[in-house]
C-alpha cells in the first residue's frame, strides 16, 4: 500500500473541512511554524489527541564502529522526539 502524499493529504482535509487546498496548506505551514517555535522556546509542543514534540538532551556516550569494531566517542547533542498520544496508540494498535 502506497503512503499518502502531501497533495492527497491536503485534498482530503480540504474536502472534509469545506476549504480549499491552498487554505489547508497555509494552515499546515502555520501549524508547523508554531510547533518549531514552541519546541525551540519551551522544549515541547502538544497536539491534543495526536501527540507531542519534545526536545531532549542526549548525553555523550561510547559507541562502536560496526565495520571495524573500534570504539568511538559519540558527542552529546540535542534531539527532537515525537511521542504519540495514548489515544493514537489505542486506535492504531
N, C-alpha and C. Protein backbone atom coordinates (compact mmCIF):
# COMPACT_ATOMS: atom_id res chain seq x y z
N UNK A 1 0.84 -1.18 0.00
CA UNK A 1 0.00 0.00 0.00
C UNK A 1 0.89 1.25 0.00
N UNK A 2 0.61 2.17 -0.91
CA UNK A 2 1.40 3.40 -1.02
C UNK A 2 1.02 4.37 0.09
N UNK A 3 2.03 5.11 0.57
CA UNK A 3 1.74 6.09 1.61
C UNK A 3 1.10 7.33 0.99
N UNK A 4 0.37 8.08 1.81
CA UNK A 4 -0.35 9.25 1.35
C UNK A 4 0.62 10.40 1.08
N UNK A 5 0.46 11.04 -0.08
CA UNK A 5 1.31 12.17 -0.42
C UNK A 5 0.76 13.45 0.23
N UNK A 6 1.58 14.48 0.20
CA UNK A 6 1.18 15.77 0.75
C UNK A 6 -0.05 16.31 0.01
N UNK A 7 -0.06 16.18 -1.31
CA UNK A 7 -1.19 16.65 -2.12
C UNK A 7 -2.46 15.89 -1.76
N UNK A 8 -2.36 14.58 -1.58
CA UNK A 8 -3.53 13.79 -1.22
C UNK A 8 -4.03 14.18 0.17
N UNK A 9 -3.12 14.36 1.11
CA UNK A 9 -3.49 14.77 2.46
C UNK A 9 -4.23 16.10 2.44
N UNK A 10 -3.66 17.09 1.75
CA UNK A 10 -4.29 18.41 1.67
C UNK A 10 -5.65 18.31 0.99
N UNK A 11 -5.76 17.49 -0.04
CA UNK A 11 -7.03 17.30 -0.75
C UNK A 11 -8.10 16.72 0.16
N UNK A 12 -7.73 15.70 0.93
CA UNK A 12 -8.70 15.08 1.85
C UNK A 12 -9.13 16.04 2.95
N UNK A 13 -8.16 16.78 3.50
CA UNK A 13 -8.50 17.76 4.55
C UNK A 13 -9.40 18.86 3.99
N UNK A 14 -9.10 19.32 2.80
CA UNK A 14 -9.91 20.36 2.18
C UNK A 14 -11.34 19.87 1.96
N UNK A 15 -11.48 18.64 1.50
CA UNK A 15 -12.80 18.06 1.25
C UNK A 15 -13.59 17.91 2.55
N UNK A 16 -12.94 17.42 3.59
CA UNK A 16 -13.63 17.18 4.86
C UNK A 16 -13.98 18.46 5.61
N UNK A 17 -13.19 19.53 5.41
CA UNK A 17 -13.44 20.78 6.14
C UNK A 17 -14.17 21.83 5.30
N UNK A 18 -14.35 21.56 4.02
CA UNK A 18 -15.04 22.52 3.16
C UNK A 18 -14.21 23.74 2.83
N UNK A 19 -12.88 23.58 2.82
CA UNK A 19 -11.98 24.68 2.48
C UNK A 19 -11.21 24.30 1.22
N UNK A 20 -10.34 25.19 0.78
CA UNK A 20 -9.53 24.91 -0.41
C UNK A 20 -8.21 24.26 0.00
N UNK A 21 -7.56 23.62 -0.97
CA UNK A 21 -6.26 23.00 -0.71
C UNK A 21 -5.24 24.07 -0.30
N UNK A 22 -5.36 25.25 -0.90
CA UNK A 22 -4.44 26.35 -0.59
C UNK A 22 -4.60 26.77 0.87
N UNK A 23 -5.84 26.89 1.34
CA UNK A 23 -6.09 27.26 2.73
C UNK A 23 -5.55 26.19 3.69
N UNK A 24 -5.76 24.93 3.34
CA UNK A 24 -5.24 23.83 4.17
C UNK A 24 -3.72 23.90 4.22
N UNK A 25 -3.08 24.17 3.08
CA UNK A 25 -1.62 24.29 3.03
C UNK A 25 -1.12 25.42 3.91
N UNK A 26 -1.81 26.55 3.90
CA UNK A 26 -1.42 27.69 4.73
C UNK A 26 -1.57 27.36 6.22
N UNK A 27 -2.65 26.68 6.57
CA UNK A 27 -2.87 26.29 7.97
C UNK A 27 -1.78 25.32 8.42
N UNK A 28 -1.46 24.34 7.59
CA UNK A 28 -0.42 23.36 7.93
C UNK A 28 0.94 24.04 8.08
N UNK A 29 1.24 25.00 7.20
CA UNK A 29 2.50 25.74 7.29
C UNK A 29 2.58 26.52 8.60
N UNK A 30 1.48 27.17 8.98
CA UNK A 30 1.44 27.94 10.22
C UNK A 30 1.55 27.02 11.44
N UNK A 31 0.90 25.86 11.38
CA UNK A 31 0.98 24.89 12.47
C UNK A 31 2.42 24.42 12.65
N UNK A 32 3.08 24.12 11.55
CA UNK A 32 4.48 23.67 11.61
C UNK A 32 5.37 24.76 12.19
N UNK A 33 5.18 25.99 11.74
CA UNK A 33 5.99 27.11 12.24
C UNK A 33 5.77 27.31 13.74
N UNK A 34 4.51 27.22 14.19
CA UNK A 34 4.21 27.35 15.61
C UNK A 34 4.88 26.23 16.40
N UNK A 35 4.83 25.01 15.87
CA UNK A 35 5.43 23.86 16.56
C UNK A 35 6.94 24.06 16.70
N UNK A 36 7.61 24.48 15.62
CA UNK A 36 9.05 24.68 15.67
C UNK A 36 9.42 25.74 16.70
N UNK A 37 8.69 26.87 16.69
CA UNK A 37 8.97 27.96 17.63
C UNK A 37 8.76 27.53 19.07
N UNK A 38 7.66 26.81 19.32
CA UNK A 38 7.33 26.40 20.69
C UNK A 38 8.32 25.37 21.22
N UNK A 39 8.74 24.42 20.38
CA UNK A 39 9.71 23.42 20.82
C UNK A 39 11.05 24.09 21.11
N UNK A 40 11.43 25.04 20.27
CA UNK A 40 12.69 25.75 20.47
C UNK A 40 12.66 26.56 21.77
N UNK A 41 11.50 27.20 22.05
CA UNK A 41 11.37 28.08 23.20
C UNK A 41 11.15 27.31 24.50
N UNK A 42 10.16 26.42 24.54
CA UNK A 42 9.79 25.77 25.80
C UNK A 42 10.18 24.30 25.90
N UNK A 43 10.58 23.70 24.79
CA UNK A 43 11.01 22.31 24.85
C UNK A 43 9.97 21.29 24.46
N UNK A 44 8.71 21.71 24.31
CA UNK A 44 7.70 20.77 23.84
C UNK A 44 6.51 21.47 23.21
N UNK A 45 5.83 20.74 22.31
CA UNK A 45 4.64 21.24 21.63
C UNK A 45 3.66 20.08 21.52
N UNK A 46 2.45 20.26 22.06
CA UNK A 46 1.46 19.19 22.07
C UNK A 46 0.36 19.44 21.06
N UNK A 47 -0.03 18.37 20.37
CA UNK A 47 -1.22 18.36 19.52
C UNK A 47 -2.20 17.43 20.24
N UNK A 48 -3.20 17.99 20.92
CA UNK A 48 -4.12 17.16 21.71
C UNK A 48 -4.73 16.03 20.89
N UNK A 49 -4.70 14.83 21.44
CA UNK A 49 -5.27 13.68 20.78
C UNK A 49 -4.36 13.05 19.74
N UNK A 50 -3.19 13.64 19.49
CA UNK A 50 -2.29 13.12 18.47
C UNK A 50 -0.90 12.80 19.03
N UNK A 51 -0.34 13.73 19.78
CA UNK A 51 0.97 13.50 20.38
C UNK A 51 1.67 14.81 20.66
N UNK A 52 2.98 14.71 20.97
CA UNK A 52 3.72 15.94 21.22
C UNK A 52 5.18 15.80 20.79
N UNK A 53 5.74 16.93 20.38
CA UNK A 53 7.16 17.03 20.06
C UNK A 53 7.87 17.42 21.34
N UNK A 54 8.99 16.74 21.63
CA UNK A 54 9.73 17.00 22.86
C UNK A 54 11.21 17.15 22.52
N UNK A 55 11.82 18.25 23.00
CA UNK A 55 13.26 18.46 22.82
C UNK A 55 13.97 17.80 23.99
N UNK A 56 14.98 16.99 23.70
CA UNK A 56 15.67 16.24 24.75
C UNK A 56 17.17 16.29 24.53
N UNK A 57 17.90 16.40 25.62
CA UNK A 57 19.37 16.41 25.59
C UNK A 57 19.87 14.97 25.65
N UNK A 58 20.68 14.57 24.70
CA UNK A 58 21.26 13.23 24.68
C UNK A 58 22.71 13.34 25.11
N UNK A 59 23.08 12.62 26.14
CA UNK A 59 24.44 12.69 26.70
C UNK A 59 25.46 12.04 25.78
N UNK A 60 26.73 12.42 25.96
CA UNK A 60 27.83 11.81 25.21
C UNK A 60 27.95 10.35 25.63
N UNK A 61 28.35 9.52 24.68
CA UNK A 61 28.47 8.10 25.00
C UNK A 61 29.52 7.44 24.11
N UNK A 62 29.90 6.25 24.48
CA UNK A 62 30.85 5.49 23.69
C UNK A 62 30.06 4.54 22.79
N UNK A 63 30.39 4.55 21.50
CA UNK A 63 29.74 3.67 20.54
C UNK A 63 30.75 2.74 19.91
N UNK A 64 30.32 1.98 18.94
CA UNK A 64 31.20 1.03 18.28
C UNK A 64 31.00 1.13 16.78
N UNK A 65 32.10 1.23 16.05
CA UNK A 65 32.06 1.24 14.59
C UNK A 65 31.72 -0.19 14.14
N UNK A 66 30.58 -0.38 13.45
CA UNK A 66 30.18 -1.74 13.10
C UNK A 66 31.11 -2.43 12.10
N UNK A 67 31.81 -1.66 11.29
CA UNK A 67 32.71 -2.27 10.30
C UNK A 67 34.02 -2.75 10.93
N UNK A 68 34.61 -1.93 11.80
CA UNK A 68 35.92 -2.27 12.37
C UNK A 68 35.85 -2.79 13.79
N UNK A 69 34.76 -2.52 14.48
CA UNK A 69 34.63 -2.92 15.87
C UNK A 69 35.33 -1.96 16.82
N UNK A 70 35.92 -0.89 16.29
CA UNK A 70 36.64 0.08 17.12
C UNK A 70 35.66 0.93 17.92
N UNK A 71 36.06 1.29 19.14
CA UNK A 71 35.25 2.18 19.97
C UNK A 71 35.38 3.61 19.46
N UNK A 72 34.26 4.31 19.44
CA UNK A 72 34.26 5.72 19.04
C UNK A 72 33.50 6.52 20.09
N UNK A 73 33.86 7.78 20.22
CA UNK A 73 33.18 8.66 21.16
C UNK A 73 32.09 9.42 20.41
N UNK A 74 30.84 9.29 20.85
CA UNK A 74 29.71 9.99 20.24
C UNK A 74 29.44 11.22 21.11
N UNK A 75 29.50 12.42 20.53
CA UNK A 75 29.31 13.64 21.34
C UNK A 75 27.87 13.83 21.80
N UNK A 76 27.70 14.63 22.83
CA UNK A 76 26.37 14.99 23.33
C UNK A 76 25.68 15.85 22.29
N UNK A 77 24.34 15.75 22.23
CA UNK A 77 23.59 16.59 21.31
C UNK A 77 22.15 16.69 21.76
N UNK A 78 21.44 17.65 21.19
CA UNK A 78 20.03 17.84 21.48
C UNK A 78 19.23 17.26 20.31
N UNK A 79 18.20 16.48 20.62
CA UNK A 79 17.37 15.85 19.60
C UNK A 79 15.91 16.19 19.85
N UNK A 80 15.08 16.06 18.82
CA UNK A 80 13.64 16.26 18.95
C UNK A 80 12.98 14.90 18.72
N UNK A 81 12.10 14.53 19.64
CA UNK A 81 11.39 13.26 19.54
C UNK A 81 9.89 13.54 19.46
N UNK A 82 9.16 12.61 18.83
CA UNK A 82 7.70 12.71 18.79
C UNK A 82 7.13 11.57 19.62
N UNK A 83 6.30 11.92 20.58
CA UNK A 83 5.65 10.92 21.42
C UNK A 83 4.17 10.87 21.07
N UNK A 84 3.71 9.69 20.68
CA UNK A 84 2.31 9.52 20.32
C UNK A 84 1.42 9.57 21.56
N UNK A 85 0.23 10.12 21.38
CA UNK A 85 -0.77 10.13 22.44
C UNK A 85 -1.31 8.72 22.64
N UNK A 86 -1.77 8.42 23.83
CA UNK A 86 -2.33 7.09 24.13
C UNK A 86 -3.52 6.79 23.22
N UNK A 87 -4.33 7.79 22.91
CA UNK A 87 -5.49 7.59 22.05
C UNK A 87 -5.08 7.10 20.67
N UNK A 88 -3.97 7.61 20.15
CA UNK A 88 -3.49 7.18 18.84
C UNK A 88 -3.01 5.74 18.91
N UNK A 89 -2.24 5.41 19.93
CA UNK A 89 -1.76 4.04 20.09
C UNK A 89 -2.92 3.06 20.18
N UNK A 90 -3.93 3.41 20.98
CA UNK A 90 -5.09 2.53 21.15
C UNK A 90 -5.86 2.37 19.84
N UNK A 91 -6.01 3.45 19.09
CA UNK A 91 -6.77 3.40 17.83
C UNK A 91 -6.04 2.63 16.75
N UNK A 92 -4.71 2.76 16.67
CA UNK A 92 -3.93 2.15 15.61
C UNK A 92 -3.54 0.72 15.95
N UNK A 93 -3.12 0.50 17.18
CA UNK A 93 -2.66 -0.84 17.56
C UNK A 93 -3.80 -1.62 18.10
